[in-house]
């Protein structure tokens, strides 16, 4: 894996699928995001979306959702 790569966080829930902005992160930042995601179900969640809008999910919705962190593969 390169020093920097792109990821996109997705939230899948009963109200639809929400796709976060594609962001570039270092390996250390990626590992921190993975570590922070372990507490995802304990609180609400907010995220900037790929279309420029913003979503805030309350804790009861978060508990019934799936958090997905995708590594974006780019054509070389």
Protein backbone atom coordinates (compact mmCIF):
# COMPACT_ATOMS: atom_id res chain seq x y z
CA UNK A 1 0.00 0.00 0.00
CA UNK A 2 1.33 3.45 -0.91
CA UNK A 3 2.09 6.12 1.69
CA UNK A 4 -1.09 7.98 0.68
CA UNK A 5 -4.28 6.61 -0.79
CA UNK A 6 -7.96 7.49 -1.10
CA UNK A 7 -10.80 6.17 1.01
CA UNK A 8 -14.55 6.65 1.17
CA UNK A 9 -16.69 6.00 4.23
CA UNK A 10 -20.17 4.63 3.56
CA UNK A 11 -23.11 4.27 5.93
CA UNK A 12 -25.72 1.68 5.01
CA UNK A 13 -29.00 1.91 6.93
CA UNK A 14 -32.76 1.49 6.63
CA UNK A 15 -33.13 5.07 5.34
CA UNK A 16 -30.65 4.62 2.50
CA UNK A 17 -26.96 4.52 1.77
CA UNK A 18 -24.77 7.53 2.47
CA UNK A 19 -21.41 7.93 0.77
CA UNK A 20 -18.82 10.26 2.29
CA UNK A 21 -16.43 12.50 0.47
CA UNK A 22 -13.47 10.68 -1.02
CA UNK A 23 -10.48 11.72 1.03
CA UNK A 24 -6.75 11.13 0.78
CA UNK A 25 -5.11 9.72 3.89
CA UNK A 26 -1.77 8.38 5.04
CA UNK A 27 -1.44 4.85 6.33
CA UNK A 28 -1.28 6.21 9.90
CA UNK A 29 -4.48 8.24 9.38
CA UNK A 30 -6.19 5.19 7.91
CA UNK A 31 -5.23 3.10 10.92
CA UNK A 32 -6.55 5.85 13.23
CA UNK A 33 -9.87 5.90 11.36
CA UNK A 34 -10.13 2.13 11.73
CA UNK A 35 -9.42 2.43 15.46
CA UNK A 36 -11.99 5.22 15.91
CA UNK A 37 -14.59 3.24 13.97
CA UNK A 38 -14.57 0.58 16.68
CA UNK A 39 -16.67 2.97 18.79
CA UNK A 40 -19.01 3.87 15.91
CA UNK A 41 -22.12 2.26 17.45
CA UNK A 42 -21.85 4.11 20.77
CA UNK A 43 -22.95 7.57 19.56
CA UNK A 44 -24.55 9.40 16.66
CA UNK A 45 -22.54 10.06 13.52
CA UNK A 46 -22.08 12.97 11.15
CA UNK A 47 -20.35 13.09 7.80
CA UNK A 48 -19.86 15.29 4.73
CA UNK A 49 -21.22 13.47 1.69
CA UNK A 50 -19.73 13.09 -1.78
CA UNK A 51 -22.33 15.44 -3.29
CA UNK A 52 -21.39 18.26 -0.88
CA UNK A 53 -24.32 17.75 1.49
CA UNK A 54 -24.04 16.68 5.12
CA UNK A 55 -25.74 13.89 7.09
CA UNK A 56 -26.29 13.54 10.83
CA UNK A 57 -27.48 10.18 12.08
CA UNK A 58 -28.86 9.79 15.62
CA UNK A 59 -27.60 6.96 17.87
CA UNK A 60 -30.69 4.75 17.35
CA UNK A 61 -30.13 4.76 13.56
CA UNK A 62 -26.39 4.26 13.93
CA UNK A 63 -27.00 1.12 16.01
CA UNK A 64 -28.95 -0.40 13.11
CA UNK A 65 -26.53 0.62 10.36
CA UNK A 66 -23.34 -0.64 8.78
CA UNK A 67 -20.18 1.45 8.60
CA UNK A 68 -17.97 0.63 5.63
CA UNK A 69 -14.54 2.07 4.87
CA UNK A 70 -13.56 1.55 1.25
CA UNK A 71 -10.12 1.97 -0.24
CA UNK A 72 -10.57 3.58 -3.65
CA UNK A 73 -8.50 1.82 -6.29
CA UNK A 74 -7.36 4.10 -9.06
CA UNK A 75 -6.53 3.00 -12.57
CA UNK A 76 -2.82 3.28 -13.21
